[in-house]
C-alpha cells in the first residue's frame, strides 16, 4: 500500500495533505500516510449523512475495533456503500482491508501511535453522531458551551498534532526538532485544534444545512448571534494556527518544515478570507484556489 495504490487514494481524498505527505522524510511517511487514510475512512463513515444513524455508528465501532485489534476486518452494514455518491470515498472504504494489512506490517511503535490517534478520532466522531442525533435543518442543535467545542477539536484534530509530534521523535529522534518533546506536544495540540476550528468556521452554513452547529450559541437559527460567535472564534483560531508556524520553525529539515508549515499557511489564508465575511459569502464555501495552494507550497519550501 505504500506504493501506487496508497498514492492514488491519497491523491483522491486530499490535494493539500498529499503534498505535505510527499515532503515528509521517508521514516515518517508510511505511518503518517496510513494514519491519514484511516482517519479519512472514519470521516467518510461519520459523514455519510443519507445513511441511517445506527448504521454509521455500527460501522464506526466495527472500524475502531478492527484498527485497535489489527485482527478481523471491519464489517460495513448492508447498503452502506450505496449511500456514497463520491466514487473516491467508496474506493476508500473498499480498501479498508488493504489499509489494515498495511497497519499490521508497520513497526510496532508506529502502529501503536496510529491505533492511538484513530481511537481518539473515532471516539470523537461517535460522540458527535450521538450529540446531533435529533438535529434537523429546521431544528439545528448547537454545542452547549466553549468547553464542548474545545473538547471536540482536540478529539478529532488536536490529537493528530500530538500523533505527528510523537511519530517525528520516534522515527527521527533528536533530528526531528530543536524543541523538547513536551513543549512541541503542546504546540502540536494547539496547531491541530486550530486547523479543525478553521474548518468549522469555514463550513458553518454547510453544517447548519444538516442541522449541526459546532459554535456554542443559544439559538443556532439566529444569524446575528452566529456571526458574532463566528468572529469570536476566528480570533481564537489565529493564535492556535500561529503555534503551528512556531512548531514548523523548530524543525531543522527543510522538507519537514515545509510539510508542517503548509497547512498553517492555508489556514491563515482561509482565516483572512473569513474575516468580515457576510452570511452570503460564507455560504459560498470559501476555498483557497488550487493555484494558490501551489504558491503557498513554494513559499513553505523556500
C-alpha atoms as a PDB file:
ATOM      1  CA  UNK A   1       0.000   0.000   0.000  1.00  0.00           C
ATOM      2  CA  UNK A   2       2.915   2.360   0.338  1.00  0.00           C
ATOM      3  CA  UNK A   3       3.278   2.259  -3.443  1.00  0.00           C
ATOM      4  CA  UNK A   4       0.852   3.146  -6.213  1.00  0.00           C
ATOM      5  CA  UNK A   5      -2.494   2.119  -4.606  1.00  0.00           C
ATOM      6  CA  UNK A   6      -1.843   4.176  -1.473  1.00  0.00           C
ATOM      7  CA  UNK A   7      -0.610   7.087  -3.545  1.00  0.00           C
ATOM      8  CA  UNK A   8      -3.702   7.043  -5.752  1.00  0.00           C
ATOM      9  CA  UNK A   9      -6.059   7.033  -2.776  1.00  0.00           C
ATOM     10  CA  UNK A  10      -4.153   9.839  -1.063  1.00  0.00           C
ATOM     11  CA  UNK A  11      -4.330  11.988  -4.194  1.00  0.00           C
ATOM     12  CA  UNK A  12      -8.045  11.237  -4.480  1.00  0.00           C
ATOM     13  CA  UNK A  13      -9.042  12.240  -0.967  1.00  0.00           C
ATOM     14  CA  UNK A  14      -6.782  15.245  -0.301  1.00  0.00           C
ATOM     15  CA  UNK A  15      -4.995  17.642  -2.604  1.00  0.00           C
ATOM     16  CA  UNK A  16      -3.127  19.649   0.040  1.00  0.00           C
ATOM     17  CA  UNK A  17      -2.332  16.939   2.582  1.00  0.00           C
ATOM     18  CA  UNK A  18      -0.998  14.718  -0.212  1.00  0.00           C
ATOM     19  CA  UNK A  19       1.539  17.454  -0.985  1.00  0.00           C
ATOM     20  CA  UNK A  20       2.535  17.652   2.676  1.00  0.00           C
ATOM     21  CA  UNK A  21       2.965  13.896   2.959  1.00  0.00           C
ATOM     22  CA  UNK A  22       5.200  13.709  -0.100  1.00  0.00           C
ATOM     23  CA  UNK A  23       7.569  16.166   1.566  1.00  0.00           C
ATOM     24  CA  UNK A  24       7.952  14.125   4.739  1.00  0.00           C
ATOM     25  CA  UNK A  25      11.198  12.287   5.485  1.00  0.00           C
ATOM     26  CA  UNK A  26      10.884   8.643   4.442  1.00  0.00           C
ATOM     27  CA  UNK A  27      10.935   7.279   8.042  1.00  0.00           C
ATOM     28  CA  UNK A  28       7.779   9.294   8.883  1.00  0.00           C
ATOM     29  CA  UNK A  29       5.942   8.918   5.600  1.00  0.00           C
ATOM     30  CA  UNK A  30       4.427   5.455   5.920  1.00  0.00           C
ATOM     31  CA  UNK A  31       2.744   5.828   9.326  1.00  0.00           C
ATOM     32  CA  UNK A  32       1.660   9.410   8.608  1.00  0.00           C
ATOM     33  CA  UNK A  33       0.097   8.406   5.270  1.00  0.00           C
ATOM     34  CA  UNK A  34      -1.666   5.399   6.750  1.00  0.00           C
ATOM     35  CA  UNK A  35      -2.891   7.359   9.765  1.00  0.00           C
ATOM     36  CA  UNK A  36      -4.351   9.965   7.431  1.00  0.00           C
ATOM     37  CA  UNK A  37      -6.108   7.380   5.258  1.00  0.00           C
ATOM     38  CA  UNK A  38      -7.589   5.602   8.281  1.00  0.00           C
ATOM     39  CA  UNK A  39      -8.793   8.934   9.682  1.00  0.00           C
ATOM     40  CA  UNK A  40     -10.388   9.789   6.329  1.00  0.00           C
ATOM     41  CA  UNK A  41     -12.083   6.384   6.356  1.00  0.00           C
ATOM     42  CA  UNK A  42     -13.702   7.133   9.704  1.00  0.00           C
ATOM     43  CA  UNK A  43     -14.627  10.628   8.436  1.00  0.00           C
ATOM     44  CA  UNK A  44     -16.409   9.046   5.483  1.00  0.00           C
ATOM     45  CA  UNK A  45     -18.328   6.679   7.749  1.00  0.00           C
ATOM     46  CA  UNK A  46     -19.381   9.502  10.067  1.00  0.00           C
ATOM     47  CA  UNK A  47     -20.264  11.996   7.326  1.00  0.00           C
ATOM     48  CA  UNK A  48     -22.397   9.797   5.060  1.00  0.00           C
ATOM     49  CA  UNK A  49     -25.489  11.747   6.051  1.00  0.00           C
ATOM     50  CA  UNK A  50     -28.002   9.766   3.978  1.00  0.00           C
ATOM     51  CA  UNK A  51     -27.109   6.512   5.753  1.00  0.00           C
ATOM     52  CA  UNK A  52     -29.100   5.657   8.911  1.00  0.00           C
ATOM     53  CA  UNK A  53     -27.520   6.812  12.156  1.00  0.00           C
ATOM     54  CA  UNK A  54     -27.471   3.290  13.585  1.00  0.00           C
ATOM     55  CA  UNK A  55     -25.599   2.023  10.519  1.00  0.00           C
ATOM     56  CA  UNK A  56     -22.971   4.747  10.786  1.00  0.00           C
ATOM     57  CA  UNK A  57     -22.435   4.138  14.499  1.00  0.00           C
ATOM     58  CA  UNK A  58     -22.156   0.396  13.905  1.00  0.00           C
ATOM     59  CA  UNK A  59     -19.689   0.928  11.053  1.00  0.00           C
ATOM     60  CA  UNK A  60     -17.554   3.284  13.150  1.00  0.00           C
ATOM     61  CA  UNK A  61     -17.460   0.844  16.048  1.00  0.00           C
ATOM     62  CA  UNK A  62     -16.543  -2.056  13.746  1.00  0.00           C
ATOM     63  CA  UNK A  63     -13.809   0.060  12.170  1.00  0.00           C
ATOM     64  CA  UNK A  64     -12.491   1.275  15.538  1.00  0.00           C
ATOM     65  CA  UNK A  65     -12.315  -2.322  16.804  1.00  0.00           C
ATOM     66  CA  UNK A  66     -10.591  -3.556  13.644  1.00  0.00           C
ATOM     67  CA  UNK A  67      -7.888  -0.880  13.932  1.00  0.00           C
ATOM     68  CA  UNK A  68      -7.445  -1.398  17.677  1.00  0.00           C
ATOM     69  CA  UNK A  69      -7.061  -5.187  17.428  1.00  0.00           C
ATOM     70  CA  UNK A  70      -5.496  -5.385  13.930  1.00  0.00           C
ATOM     71  CA  UNK A  71      -7.441  -8.627  13.545  1.00  0.00           C
ATOM     72  CA  UNK A  72     -10.834  -9.022  11.904  1.00  0.00           C
ATOM     73  CA  UNK A  73     -11.660  -6.652   9.020  1.00  0.00           C
ATOM     74  CA  UNK A  74     -14.460  -4.150   9.647  1.00  0.00           C
ATOM     75  CA  UNK A  75     -17.976  -5.155   8.642  1.00  0.00           C
ATOM     76  CA  UNK A  76     -19.954  -2.482   6.826  1.00  0.00           C
ATOM     77  CA  UNK A  77     -23.738  -2.616   7.362  1.00  0.00           C
ATOM     78  CA  UNK A  78     -25.713  -3.789   4.328  1.00  0.00           C
ATOM     79  CA  UNK A  79     -26.258  -0.996   1.834  1.00  0.00           C
ATOM     80  CA  UNK A  80     -23.855   1.469   3.461  1.00  0.00           C
ATOM     81  CA  UNK A  81     -21.649   1.762   0.381  1.00  0.00           C
ATOM     82  CA  UNK A  82     -24.725   2.523  -1.735  1.00  0.00           C
ATOM     83  CA  UNK A  83     -25.080   5.824   0.164  1.00  0.00           C
ATOM     84  CA  UNK A  84     -21.680   7.029  -1.070  1.00  0.00           C
ATOM     85  CA  UNK A  85     -22.131   9.248  -4.112  1.00  0.00           C
ATOM     86  CA  UNK A  86     -18.431  10.133  -4.389  1.00  0.00           C
ATOM     87  CA  UNK A  87     -16.532   7.268  -6.067  1.00  0.00           C
ATOM     88  CA  UNK A  88     -13.338   8.301  -4.264  1.00  0.00           C
ATOM     89  CA  UNK A  89     -14.977   7.789  -0.868  1.00  0.00           C
ATOM     90  CA  UNK A  90     -16.404   4.452  -1.939  1.00  0.00           C
ATOM     91  CA  UNK A  91     -12.949   3.361  -3.128  1.00  0.00           C
ATOM     92  CA  UNK A  92     -11.514   4.381   0.245  1.00  0.00           C
ATOM     93  CA  UNK A  93     -13.965   2.158   2.150  1.00  0.00           C
ATOM     94  CA  UNK A  94     -13.396  -0.690  -0.285  1.00  0.00           C
ATOM     95  CA  UNK A  95      -9.670  -0.504   0.568  1.00  0.00           C
ATOM     96  CA  UNK A  96     -10.214  -0.925   4.327  1.00  0.00           C
ATOM     97  CA  UNK A  97      -8.720  -4.433   4.342  1.00  0.00           C
ATOM     98  CA  UNK A  98      -5.512  -3.446   2.481  1.00  0.00           C
ATOM     99  CA  UNK A  99      -5.140  -0.471   4.827  1.00  0.00           C
ATOM    100  CA  UNK A 100      -5.382  -2.761   7.854  1.00  0.00           C
ATOM    101  CA  UNK A 101      -2.870  -5.127   6.247  1.00  0.00           C
ATOM    102  CA  UNK A 102      -0.531  -2.145   5.915  1.00  0.00           C
ATOM    103  CA  UNK A 103      -1.053  -1.363   9.613  1.00  0.00           C
ATOM    104  CA  UNK A 104      -0.034  -4.916  10.555  1.00  0.00           C
ATOM    105  CA  UNK A 105       3.355  -4.594   8.846  1.00  0.00           C
ATOM    106  CA  UNK A 106       4.258  -1.213  10.342  1.00  0.00           C
ATOM    107  CA  UNK A 107       6.937  -1.252  13.074  1.00  0.00           C
ATOM    108  CA  UNK A 108       5.276  -1.858  16.440  1.00  0.00           C
ATOM    109  CA  UNK A 109       5.862   1.633  17.827  1.00  0.00           C
ATOM    110  CA  UNK A 110       4.485   3.349  14.726  1.00  0.00           C
ATOM    111  CA  UNK A 111       1.465   1.041  14.623  1.00  0.00           C
ATOM    112  CA  UNK A 112       0.710   1.824  18.284  1.00  0.00           C
ATOM    113  CA  UNK A 113       0.703   5.574  17.525  1.00  0.00           C
ATOM    114  CA  UNK A 114      -1.630   5.049  14.536  1.00  0.00           C
ATOM    115  CA  UNK A 115      -4.032   2.979  16.636  1.00  0.00           C
ATOM    116  CA  UNK A 116      -3.982   5.616  19.377  1.00  0.00           C
ATOM    117  CA  UNK A 117      -4.856   8.515  17.106  1.00  0.00           C
ATOM    118  CA  UNK A 118      -7.542   6.587  15.203  1.00  0.00           C
ATOM    119  CA  UNK A 119      -9.167   5.540  18.501  1.00  0.00           C
ATOM    120  CA  UNK A 120      -9.356   9.182  19.600  1.00  0.00           C
ATOM    121  CA  UNK A 121     -10.797  10.331  16.272  1.00  0.00           C
ATOM    122  CA  UNK A 122     -13.395   7.553  16.151  1.00  0.00           C
ATOM    123  CA  UNK A 123     -14.425   8.313  19.735  1.00  0.00           C
ATOM    124  CA  UNK A 124     -14.944  11.976  18.848  1.00  0.00           C
ATOM    125  CA  UNK A 125     -16.977  11.077  15.778  1.00  0.00           C
ATOM    126  CA  UNK A 126     -19.174   8.629  17.684  1.00  0.00           C
ATOM    127  CA  UNK A 127     -19.843  11.296  20.314  1.00  0.00           C
ATOM    128  CA  UNK A 128     -20.586  13.741  17.511  1.00  0.00           C
ATOM    129  CA  UNK A 129     -23.161  11.467  15.876  1.00  0.00           C
ATOM    130  CA  UNK A 130     -24.947  10.861  19.165  1.00  0.00           C
ATOM    131  CA  UNK A 131     -24.895  14.571  20.090  1.00  0.00           C
ATOM    132  CA  UNK A 132     -26.571  15.541  16.810  1.00  0.00           C
ATOM    133  CA  UNK A 133     -28.868  12.513  16.595  1.00  0.00           C
ATOM    134  CA  UNK A 134     -32.022  14.642  16.708  1.00  0.00           C
ATOM    135  CA  UNK A 135     -30.712  17.561  14.653  1.00  0.00           C
ATOM    136  CA  UNK A 136     -32.552  18.633  11.511  1.00  0.00           C
ATOM    137  CA  UNK A 137     -32.143  21.630   9.188  1.00  0.00           C
ATOM    138  CA  UNK A 138     -35.350  23.036  10.667  1.00  0.00           C
ATOM    139  CA  UNK A 139     -34.290  22.381  14.280  1.00  0.00           C
ATOM    140  CA  UNK A 140     -30.475  22.528  14.415  1.00  0.00           C
ATOM    141  CA  UNK A 141     -28.547  21.537  17.526  1.00  0.00           C
ATOM    142  CA  UNK A 142     -25.611  23.606  18.812  1.00  0.00           C
ATOM    143  CA  UNK A 143     -22.752  22.639  21.099  1.00  0.00           C
ATOM    144  CA  UNK A 144     -23.603  23.680  24.667  1.00  0.00           C
ATOM    145  CA  UNK A 145     -20.514  25.733  25.565  1.00  0.00           C
ATOM    146  CA  UNK A 146     -16.930  26.655  24.742  1.00  0.00           C
ATOM    147  CA  UNK A 147     -15.579  23.633  26.612  1.00  0.00           C
ATOM    148  CA  UNK A 148     -17.547  21.273  24.370  1.00  0.00           C
ATOM    149  CA  UNK A 149     -16.081  22.871  21.240  1.00  0.00           C
ATOM    150  CA  UNK A 150     -12.539  22.752  22.632  1.00  0.00           C
ATOM    151  CA  UNK A 151     -13.025  19.089  23.555  1.00  0.00           C
ATOM    152  CA  UNK A 152     -14.334  18.271  20.071  1.00  0.00           C
ATOM    153  CA  UNK A 153     -11.485  19.926  18.169  1.00  0.00           C
ATOM    154  CA  UNK A 154      -8.958  18.085  20.347  1.00  0.00           C
ATOM    155  CA  UNK A 155     -10.642  14.699  19.849  1.00  0.00           C
ATOM    156  CA  UNK A 156     -10.627  14.926  16.055  1.00  0.00           C
ATOM    157  CA  UNK A 157      -7.580  17.120  15.317  1.00  0.00           C
ATOM    158  CA  UNK A 158      -5.566  18.183  18.358  1.00  0.00           C
ATOM    159  CA  UNK A 159      -4.741  14.514  18.854  1.00  0.00           C
ATOM    160  CA  UNK A 160      -3.373  14.490  15.287  1.00  0.00           C
ATOM    161  CA  UNK A 161      -0.878  17.215  16.215  1.00  0.00           C
ATOM    162  CA  UNK A 162       0.225  15.018  19.098  1.00  0.00           C
ATOM    163  CA  UNK A 163       0.472  11.999  16.783  1.00  0.00           C
ATOM    164  CA  UNK A 164       2.623  13.907  14.289  1.00  0.00           C
ATOM    165  CA  UNK A 165       4.968  15.002  17.083  1.00  0.00           C
ATOM    166  CA  UNK A 166       5.299  11.572  18.691  1.00  0.00           C
ATOM    167  CA  UNK A 167       5.873   9.981  15.292  1.00  0.00           C
ATOM    168  CA  UNK A 168       8.578  12.507  14.447  1.00  0.00           C
ATOM    169  CA  UNK A 169      10.539  11.898  17.629  1.00  0.00           C
ATOM    170  CA  UNK A 170      10.018   8.120  17.344  1.00  0.00           C
ATOM    171  CA  UNK A 171      11.306   7.853  13.778  1.00  0.00           C
ATOM    172  CA  UNK A 172      13.849  10.690  13.635  1.00  0.00           C
ATOM    173  CA  UNK A 173      14.897  11.169  17.266  1.00  0.00           C
ATOM    174  CA  UNK A 174      16.686  14.434  18.018  1.00  0.00           C
ATOM    175  CA  UNK A 175      16.850  15.178  14.269  1.00  0.00           C
ATOM    176  CA  UNK A 176      13.100  15.856  14.284  1.00  0.00           C
ATOM    177  CA  UNK A 177      13.113  19.141  16.226  1.00  0.00           C
ATOM    178  CA  UNK A 178      15.308  21.525  18.189  1.00  0.00           C
ATOM    179  CA  UNK A 179      12.448  21.769  20.720  1.00  0.00           C
ATOM    180  CA  UNK A 180      11.847  19.424  23.669  1.00  0.00           C
ATOM    181  CA  UNK A 181       9.064  16.830  23.231  1.00  0.00           C
ATOM    182  CA  UNK A 182       6.755  18.273  25.953  1.00  0.00           C
ATOM    183  CA  UNK A 183       6.893  21.789  24.506  1.00  0.00           C
ATOM    184  CA  UNK A 184       6.402  20.559  20.965  1.00  0.00           C
ATOM    185  CA  UNK A 185       3.473  18.363  22.004  1.00  0.00           C
ATOM    186  CA  UNK A 186       1.721  21.444  23.391  1.00  0.00           C
ATOM    187  CA  UNK A 187       2.304  23.324  20.137  1.00  0.00           C
ATOM    188  CA  UNK A 188       1.208  20.345  18.055  1.00  0.00           C
ATOM    189  CA  UNK A 189      -2.005  20.009  20.040  1.00  0.00           C
ATOM    190  CA  UNK A 190      -2.794  23.711  19.602  1.00  0.00           C
ATOM    191  CA  UNK A 191      -1.970  23.514  15.888  1.00  0.00           C
ATOM    192  CA  UNK A 192      -4.344  20.602  15.334  1.00  0.00           C
ATOM    193  CA  UNK A 193      -7.068  22.368  17.303  1.00  0.00           C
ATOM    194  CA  UNK A 194      -6.625  25.464  15.149  1.00  0.00           C
ATOM    195  CA  UNK A 195      -6.814  23.607  11.849  1.00  0.00           C
ATOM    196  CA  UNK A 196     -10.065  21.898  12.849  1.00  0.00           C
ATOM    197  CA  UNK A 197     -11.512  25.171  14.129  1.00  0.00           C
ATOM    198  CA  UNK A 198     -10.780  26.831  10.780  1.00  0.00           C
ATOM    199  CA  UNK A 199     -12.698  24.027   9.061  1.00  0.00           C
ATOM    200  CA  UNK A 200     -15.632  24.549  11.420  1.00  0.00           C
ATOM    201  CA  UNK A 201     -15.675  28.307  10.819  1.00  0.00           C
ATOM    202  CA  UNK A 202     -15.441  27.841   7.042  1.00  0.00           C
ATOM    203  CA  UNK A 203     -18.172  25.187   6.942  1.00  0.00           C
ATOM    204  CA  UNK A 204     -20.671  26.844   9.312  1.00  0.00           C
ATOM    205  CA  UNK A 205     -23.532  27.328   6.788  1.00  0.00           C
ATOM    206  CA  UNK A 206     -22.989  23.893   5.229  1.00  0.00           C
ATOM    207  CA  UNK A 207     -23.079  22.200   8.648  1.00  0.00           C
ATOM    208  CA  UNK A 208     -26.243  24.092   9.559  1.00  0.00           C
ATOM    209  CA  UNK A 209     -27.926  22.727   6.445  1.00  0.00           C
ATOM    210  CA  UNK A 210     -27.565  19.304   8.059  1.00  0.00           C
ATOM    211  CA  UNK A 211     -28.758  20.565  11.464  1.00  0.00           C
ATOM    212  CA  UNK A 212     -25.308  20.748  13.079  1.00  0.00           C
ATOM    213  CA  UNK A 213     -23.913  23.846  14.739  1.00  0.00           C
ATOM    214  CA  UNK A 214     -20.449  23.467  16.235  1.00  0.00           C
ATOM    215  CA  UNK A 215     -20.460  27.025  17.567  1.00  0.00           C
ATOM    216  CA  UNK A 216     -21.840  27.359  21.116  1.00  0.00           C
ATOM    217  CA  UNK A 217     -24.824  29.679  20.660  1.00  0.00           C
ATOM    218  CA  UNK A 218     -28.155  29.695  22.452  1.00  0.00           C
ATOM    219  CA  UNK A 219     -30.151  29.818  19.215  1.00  0.00           C
ATOM    220  CA  UNK A 220     -28.466  28.348  16.110  1.00  0.00           C
ATOM    221  CA  UNK A 221     -31.128  29.921  13.882  1.00  0.00           C
ATOM    222  CA  UNK A 222     -30.099  33.442  14.983  1.00  0.00           C
ATOM    223  CA  UNK A 223     -27.676  34.568  12.256  1.00  0.00           C
ATOM    224  CA  UNK A 224     -26.584  37.676  14.116  1.00  0.00           C
ATOM    225  CA  UNK A 225     -25.604  35.581  17.120  1.00  0.00           C
ATOM    226  CA  UNK A 226     -23.879  33.066  14.852  1.00  0.00           C
ATOM    227  CA  UNK A 227     -21.805  35.754  13.128  1.00  0.00           C
ATOM    228  CA  UNK A 228     -20.820  37.282  16.480  1.00  0.00           C
ATOM    229  CA  UNK A 229     -19.744  33.886  17.800  1.00  0.00           C
ATOM    230  CA  UNK A 230     -18.003  33.184  14.494  1.00  0.00           C
ATOM    231  CA  UNK A 231     -15.947  36.388  14.849  1.00  0.00           C
ATOM    232  CA  UNK A 232     -15.011  35.486  18.430  1.00  0.00           C
ATOM    233  CA  UNK A 233     -13.715  32.052  17.447  1.00  0.00           C
ATOM    234  CA  UNK A 234     -11.861  33.489  14.463  1.00  0.00           C
ATOM    235  CA  UNK A 235      -9.756  35.378  16.978  1.00  0.00           C
ATOM    236  CA  UNK A 236      -9.244  32.154  18.935  1.00  0.00           C
ATOM    237  CA  UNK A 237      -8.151  30.250  15.836  1.00  0.00           C
ATOM    238  CA  UNK A 238      -5.397  32.697  14.854  1.00  0.00           C
ATOM    239  CA  UNK A 239      -3.030  32.086  17.817  1.00  0.00           C
ATOM    240  CA  UNK A 240      -3.558  28.331  17.547  1.00  0.00           C
ATOM    241  CA  UNK A 241      -2.507  28.472  13.884  1.00  0.00           C
ATOM    242  CA  UNK A 242       0.439  30.681  14.851  1.00  0.00           C
ATOM    243  CA  UNK A 243       1.540  27.846  17.151  1.00  0.00           C
ATOM    244  CA  UNK A 244       1.748  25.718  14.012  1.00  0.00           C
ATOM    245  CA  UNK A 245       4.112  28.216  12.385  1.00  0.00           C
ATOM    246  CA  UNK A 246       6.248  28.286  15.536  1.00  0.00           C
ATOM    247  CA  UNK A 247       6.179  24.473  15.563  1.00  0.00           C
ATOM    248  CA  UNK A 248       7.491  24.340  11.978  1.00  0.00           C
ATOM    249  CA  UNK A 249      10.340  26.748  12.735  1.00  0.00           C
ATOM    250  CA  UNK A 250      11.783  24.278  15.265  1.00  0.00           C
ATOM    251  CA  UNK A 251      12.240  21.608  12.568  1.00  0.00           C
ATOM    252  CA  UNK A 252      15.757  21.505  11.050  1.00  0.00           C
ATOM    253  CA  UNK A 253      14.770  19.655   7.863  1.00  0.00           C
ATOM    254  CA  UNK A 254      13.579  21.989   5.090  1.00  0.00           C
ATOM    255  CA  UNK A 255      11.260  19.330   3.619  1.00  0.00           C
ATOM    256  CA  UNK A 256       9.765  18.530   7.008  1.00  0.00           C
ATOM    257  CA  UNK A 257       9.413  22.215   7.826  1.00  0.00           C
ATOM    258  CA  UNK A 258       7.573  22.804   4.529  1.00  0.00           C
ATOM    259  CA  UNK A 259       5.266  19.801   5.060  1.00  0.00           C
ATOM    260  CA  UNK A 260       4.395  21.026   8.549  1.00  0.00           C
ATOM    261  CA  UNK A 261       4.011  24.691   7.624  1.00  0.00           C
ATOM    262  CA  UNK A 262       1.803  24.274   4.522  1.00  0.00           C
ATOM    263  CA  UNK A 263      -1.433  23.620   6.483  1.00  0.00           C
ATOM    264  CA  UNK A 264      -0.728  26.702   8.625  1.00  0.00           C
ATOM    265  CA  UNK A 265      -0.284  28.872   5.529  1.00  0.00           C
ATOM    266  CA  UNK A 266      -3.519  27.533   4.018  1.00  0.00           C
ATOM    267  CA  UNK A 267      -5.374  28.079   7.304  1.00  0.00           C
ATOM    268  CA  UNK A 268      -4.049  31.645   7.611  1.00  0.00           C
ATOM    269  CA  UNK A 269      -5.205  32.352   4.062  1.00  0.00           C
ATOM    270  CA  UNK A 270      -8.640  30.924   4.877  1.00  0.00           C
ATOM    271  CA  UNK A 271      -8.907  32.995   8.059  1.00  0.00           C
ATOM    272  CA  UNK A 272      -8.154  36.153   6.055  1.00  0.00           C
ATOM    273  CA  UNK A 273     -10.997  35.289   3.669  1.00  0.00           C
ATOM    274  CA  UNK A 274     -13.370  34.587   6.571  1.00  0.00           C
ATOM    275  CA  UNK A 275     -12.778  37.827   8.477  1.00  0.00           C
ATOM    276  CA  UNK A 276     -15.676  40.205   7.993  1.00  0.00           C
ATOM    277  CA  UNK A 277     -17.474  37.768   5.672  1.00  0.00           C
ATOM    278  CA  UNK A 278     -21.235  38.110   5.393  1.00  0.00           C
ATOM    279  CA  UNK A 279     -23.532  35.132   5.726  1.00  0.00           C
ATOM    280  CA  UNK A 280     -23.965  35.119   1.949  1.00  0.00           C
ATOM    281  CA  UNK A 281     -20.185  34.992   1.455  1.00  0.00           C
ATOM    282  CA  UNK A 282     -19.788  32.194   3.988  1.00  0.00           C
ATOM    283  CA  UNK A 283     -22.497  30.246   2.180  1.00  0.00           C
ATOM    284  CA  UNK A 284     -20.368  30.116  -0.986  1.00  0.00           C
ATOM    285  CA  UNK A 285     -17.973  27.732   0.828  1.00  0.00           C
ATOM    286  CA  UNK A 286     -14.779  29.753   0.678  1.00  0.00           C
ATOM    287  CA  UNK A 287     -11.865  27.711  -0.578  1.00  0.00           C
ATOM    288  CA  UNK A 288      -8.232  28.504  -1.356  1.00  0.00           C
ATOM    289  CA  UNK A 289      -7.803  28.107  -5.153  1.00  0.00           C
ATOM    290  CA  UNK A 290      -5.542  25.299  -6.369  1.00  0.00           C
ATOM    291  CA  UNK A 291      -3.028  27.708  -7.916  1.00  0.00           C
ATOM    292  CA  UNK A 292      -2.744  29.477  -4.561  1.00  0.00           C
ATOM    293  CA  UNK A 293      -2.143  26.144  -2.818  1.00  0.00           C
ATOM    294  CA  UNK A 294       0.884  25.531  -5.031  1.00  0.00           C
ATOM    295  CA  UNK A 295       2.119  29.083  -4.478  1.00  0.00           C
ATOM    296  CA  UNK A 296       1.920  28.567  -0.717  1.00  0.00           C
ATOM    297  CA  UNK A 297       3.733  25.238  -1.056  1.00  0.00           C
ATOM    298  CA  UNK A 298       6.611  27.025  -2.780  1.00  0.00           C
ATOM    299  CA  UNK A 299       6.603  29.657  -0.050  1.00  0.00           C
ATOM    300  CA  UNK A 300       6.693  26.975   2.638  1.00  0.00           C
ATOM    301  CA  UNK A 301       9.589  25.190   0.946  1.00  0.00           C
ATOM    302  CA  UNK A 302      11.812  28.135   0.086  1.00  0.00           C
END
